[in-house]
Amino acid sequence: MRGPQQTSDAENAKEGKKPLKTSRILGFFRPHHTSRLFPKRLVHQHCFQLQAWQTQGKGPDETHTFKTDRVSSAVAKFIALTKQSGHIDEQELEKVFEKLAPVSPDVFVGEWQGHSVDTGHPGVAKNKELRWAGKTFRGVDDVDPMVALDANGKRVWMEEIGHARLREVKYKGLVSTAMIYNQYPIIDHFRRINDTTVAGCMDTPLMPEAGIFYFYLTKL
């Protein structure tokens, strides 16, 4: 598995982007047809609750003071875990993730390459199937949360997933940047690794038995 310090340069075309239209049922987001398992009323209720979790007026520096050695140790551990072969223990990864420092929304503008962390979560296989390439951030209210590679190897927005927005959200006792999907009850929480890499985890009620999907992004 490629570690976060080894930024990929594969499929980095930025010209001629078109929405990716697909008739496939995206099991990652709609297990066994989400419309049946999760009626609109329930999905809207979750979306409302997710929006209610957002914090206002407090940035990461106002809520936490971090010890440099603690954060450095967590960063080194996270990088080491992503380079392991085979499945990574989710509980161990969770403990490391919680020790990472917050990240500000303004660092996200641009194109980012996505990398799944294999804890055995079904999202890892689904992302391979979808040819997940990462995310695109044009602004805090204008995000393509799922970007994939088309038949020509170009990065394209997955129109079926919709858009997203960035907010500062408290998660596991820490306020940091999070990406909130507009059409699904999903929040991706981010932590800082370095200037060009962020760790992420997906928080959603859509896959309650699957655990947490962990990933990281490297800036292109």
Protein backbone atom coordinates (compact mmCIF):
# COMPACT_ATOMS: atom_id res chain seq x y z
CA MET A 1 0.00 0.00 0.00
CA ARG A 2 1.28 3.48 -0.85
CA GLY A 3 1.94 5.60 2.23
CA PRO A 4 0.88 9.25 2.60
CA GLN A 5 4.41 10.53 2.05
CA GLN A 6 4.50 8.94 -1.38
CA THR A 7 2.16 11.24 -3.32
CA SER A 8 0.91 9.55 -6.50
CA ASP A 9 1.26 11.31 -9.86
CA ALA A 10 -0.98 8.85 -11.67
CA GLU A 11 -4.00 10.04 -13.64
CA ASN A 12 -3.52 13.71 -12.85
CA ALA A 13 -5.27 15.09 -15.95
CA LYS A 14 -7.13 18.27 -15.22
CA GLU A 15 -8.55 19.08 -18.64
CA GLY A 16 -11.89 18.23 -20.18
CA LYS A 17 -13.65 17.20 -17.00
CA LYS A 18 -17.19 15.89 -17.42
CA PRO A 19 -19.60 14.50 -14.87
CA LEU A 20 -19.35 10.72 -14.56
CA LYS A 21 -22.76 9.24 -15.23
CA THR A 22 -23.26 5.64 -14.23
CA SER A 23 -26.19 3.27 -13.97
CA ARG A 24 -24.43 1.16 -11.34
CA ILE A 25 -26.00 0.95 -7.90
CA LEU A 26 -23.34 2.42 -5.60
CA GLY A 27 -23.41 -0.17 -2.84
CA PHE A 28 -20.97 1.92 -0.80
CA PHE A 29 -23.69 4.53 -0.36
CA ARG A 30 -26.80 2.47 -1.06
CA PRO A 31 -26.37 -1.01 0.44
CA HIS A 32 -29.18 -3.21 -0.94
CA HIS A 33 -30.90 -0.09 -2.25
CA THR A 34 -30.74 2.70 0.32
CA SER A 35 -34.14 4.00 -0.77
CA ARG A 36 -35.72 0.90 0.74
CA LEU A 37 -33.56 0.63 3.85
CA PHE A 38 -33.48 4.35 4.52
CA PRO A 39 -36.69 6.19 3.54
CA LYS A 40 -36.36 9.86 2.62
CA ARG A 41 -37.85 10.82 5.98
CA LEU A 42 -35.06 8.98 7.84
CA VAL A 43 -32.30 10.28 5.57
CA HIS A 44 -33.56 13.85 5.91
CA GLN A 45 -33.71 13.41 9.68
CA HIS A 46 -30.07 12.27 9.76
CA CYS A 47 -29.04 15.12 7.49
CA PHE A 48 -30.71 17.57 9.84
CA GLN A 49 -28.92 16.03 12.82
CA LEU A 50 -25.57 16.19 11.04
CA GLN A 51 -26.05 19.86 10.29
CA ALA A 52 -26.99 20.47 13.92
CA TRP A 53 -23.61 19.10 15.00
CA GLN A 54 -21.75 21.88 13.24
CA THR A 55 -19.95 24.33 15.50
CA GLN A 56 -19.96 28.07 14.93
CA GLY A 57 -17.36 30.69 15.69
CA LYS A 58 -14.61 28.46 17.09
CA GLY A 59 -11.61 27.31 15.13
CA PRO A 60 -9.32 24.42 16.08
CA ASP A 61 -6.81 26.69 17.83
CA GLU A 62 -9.52 27.95 20.18
CA THR A 63 -10.48 24.54 21.53
CA HIS A 64 -7.33 22.44 21.82
CA THR A 65 -3.67 22.83 22.71
CA PHE A 66 -1.47 20.07 21.36
CA LYS A 67 1.87 18.80 22.55
CA THR A 68 4.27 18.63 19.62
CA ASP A 69 5.76 15.28 20.62
CA ARG A 70 2.30 13.70 20.96
CA VAL A 71 1.20 14.86 17.51
CA SER A 72 4.52 13.94 15.87
CA SER A 73 4.28 10.46 17.33
CA ALA A 74 0.72 10.06 16.05
CA VAL A 75 1.69 11.26 12.56
CA ALA A 76 4.61 8.81 12.41
CA LYS A 77 2.36 5.99 13.61
CA PHE A 78 -0.36 6.80 11.07
CA ILE A 79 2.17 6.78 8.23
CA ALA A 80 3.62 3.49 9.45
CA LEU A 81 0.17 1.89 9.63
CA THR A 82 -0.70 2.90 6.05
CA LYS A 83 2.45 1.18 4.81
CA GLN A 84 1.56 -2.13 6.44
CA SER A 85 0.57 -5.02 4.22
CA GLY A 86 -2.74 -6.73 4.87
CA HIS A 87 -5.56 -5.47 7.06
CA ILE A 88 -4.89 -2.78 9.64
CA ASP A 89 -6.55 -3.03 13.05
CA GLU A 90 -9.37 -0.47 13.11
CA GLN A 91 -9.21 0.16 16.86
CA GLU A 92 -5.49 0.86 16.70
CA LEU A 93 -6.00 3.22 13.77
CA GLU A 94 -8.81 4.99 15.62
CA LYS A 95 -6.57 5.67 18.62
CA VAL A 96 -3.90 7.15 16.36
CA PHE A 97 -6.43 9.24 14.40
CA GLU A 98 -7.78 10.80 17.60
CA LYS A 99 -4.29 12.06 18.52
CA LEU A 100 -3.74 13.89 15.23
CA ALA A 101 -3.97 17.68 15.06
CA PRO A 102 -6.91 19.56 13.52
CA VAL A 103 -6.75 21.01 10.03
CA SER A 104 -8.12 24.32 8.75
CA PRO A 105 -10.68 24.51 5.89
CA ASP A 106 -8.54 26.90 3.85
CA VAL A 107 -5.85 24.28 3.13
CA PHE A 108 -8.23 22.12 1.09
CA VAL A 109 -8.74 24.22 -2.04
CA GLY A 110 -7.53 22.19 -5.01
CA GLU A 111 -7.38 18.61 -6.27
CA TRP A 112 -6.62 15.75 -3.88
CA GLN A 113 -5.72 12.11 -4.53
CA GLY A 114 -7.61 9.58 -2.40
CA HIS A 115 -6.10 6.53 -0.70
CA SER A 116 -8.13 3.92 1.20
CA VAL A 117 -6.74 2.45 4.44
CA ASP A 118 -7.58 -1.25 4.49
CA THR A 119 -9.19 -2.18 7.80
CA GLY A 120 -11.46 -4.69 6.11
CA HIS A 121 -14.20 -2.09 5.61
CA PRO A 122 -16.33 -2.83 2.49
CA GLY A 123 -15.67 0.72 1.29
CA VAL A 124 -12.13 -0.27 0.33
CA ALA A 125 -13.30 -2.79 -2.27
CA LYS A 126 -16.09 -0.50 -3.44
CA ASN A 127 -13.65 2.35 -4.06
CA LYS A 128 -11.49 0.06 -6.18
CA GLU A 129 -14.55 -0.93 -8.18
CA LEU A 130 -15.52 2.70 -8.71
CA ARG A 131 -11.92 3.70 -9.54
CA TRP A 132 -12.03 6.30 -6.80
CA ALA A 133 -9.46 9.04 -7.44
CA GLY A 134 -10.09 11.45 -4.57
CA LYS A 135 -11.87 14.75 -4.01
CA THR A 136 -11.95 18.26 -5.49
CA PHE A 137 -12.38 21.36 -3.32
CA ARG A 138 -13.19 24.65 -5.08
CA GLY A 139 -14.39 26.36 -1.90
CA VAL A 140 -16.00 25.62 1.45
CA ASP A 141 -19.45 25.37 -0.18
CA ASP A 142 -18.35 23.81 -3.47
CA VAL A 143 -16.86 20.34 -3.14
CA ASP A 144 -16.89 17.23 -5.36
CA PRO A 145 -16.78 14.58 -2.61
CA MET A 146 -16.30 11.62 -4.95
CA VAL A 147 -14.02 11.91 -7.98
CA ALA A 148 -13.29 8.82 -10.07
CA LEU A 149 -11.26 7.91 -13.15
CA ASP A 150 -13.14 7.59 -16.42
CA ALA A 151 -12.30 5.19 -19.25
CA ASN A 152 -9.55 7.56 -20.40
CA GLY A 153 -7.98 7.86 -16.95
CA LYS A 154 -9.27 11.41 -16.37
CA ARG A 155 -10.55 12.64 -13.02
CA VAL A 156 -14.30 13.22 -13.21
CA TRP A 157 -16.96 14.16 -10.67
CA MET A 158 -19.37 11.36 -9.77
CA GLU A 159 -22.61 13.22 -10.45
CA GLU A 160 -24.73 10.52 -8.82
CA ILE A 161 -23.12 11.26 -5.44
CA GLY A 162 -23.76 15.01 -5.61
CA HIS A 163 -21.77 17.78 -3.97
CA ALA A 164 -20.61 18.56 -0.43
CA ARG A 165 -19.45 21.42 1.80
CA LEU A 166 -16.77 22.01 4.42
CA ARG A 167 -17.51 23.00 8.01
CA GLU A 168 -15.67 22.97 11.31
CA VAL A 169 -17.26 20.16 13.33
CA LYS A 170 -16.54 18.67 16.74
CA TYR A 171 -15.73 14.96 16.52
CA LYS A 172 -14.18 12.82 19.26
CA GLY A 173 -13.76 15.95 21.39
CA LEU A 174 -11.89 17.94 18.73
CA VAL A 175 -13.03 20.70 16.37
CA SER A 176 -11.54 20.25 12.91
CA THR A 177 -12.58 20.49 9.27
CA ALA A 178 -15.24 18.06 8.09
CA MET A 179 -16.85 17.49 4.70
CA ILE A 180 -20.63 17.11 4.78
CA TYR A 181 -22.38 15.47 1.83
CA ASN A 182 -25.38 17.39 0.51
CA GLN A 183 -27.39 14.33 -0.56
CA TYR A 184 -26.39 11.69 1.98
CA PRO A 185 -26.10 11.50 5.78
CA ILE A 186 -22.30 11.26 5.60
CA ILE A 187 -19.55 13.32 7.23
CA ASP A 188 -15.87 12.90 6.46
CA HIS A 189 -13.75 14.14 9.38
CA PHE A 190 -10.20 15.31 8.69
CA ARG A 191 -6.96 15.57 10.67
CA ARG A 192 -3.62 17.03 9.66
CA ILE A 193 -0.64 14.86 8.68
CA ASN A 194 1.51 17.49 6.95
CA ASP A 195 1.16 20.41 4.53
CA THR A 196 0.04 18.19 1.65
CA THR A 197 -1.59 15.23 3.42
CA VAL A 198 -4.69 14.85 5.58
CA ALA A 199 -6.14 11.78 7.30
CA GLY A 200 -9.87 11.17 7.09
CA CYS A 201 -12.63 8.96 8.45
CA MET A 202 -16.19 8.53 7.22
CA ASP A 203 -18.99 8.89 9.79
CA THR A 204 -22.38 7.63 8.56
CA PRO A 205 -25.42 5.67 9.79
CA LEU A 206 -25.78 3.98 6.39
CA MET A 207 -23.41 1.11 7.21
CA PRO A 208 -23.79 0.60 10.97
CA GLU A 209 -22.19 -2.86 11.07
CA ALA A 210 -19.21 -2.03 8.86
CA GLY A 211 -17.24 0.12 11.29
CA ILE A 212 -15.42 3.31 10.29
CA PHE A 213 -13.92 3.77 6.84
CA TYR A 214 -10.47 5.40 7.09
CA PHE A 215 -8.57 7.05 4.26
CA TYR A 216 -6.10 9.81 3.54
CA LEU A 217 -5.75 12.49 0.86
CA THR A 218 -2.60 13.84 -0.79
CA LYS A 219 -2.65 17.17 -2.61
CA LEU A 220 -1.98 17.10 -6.34
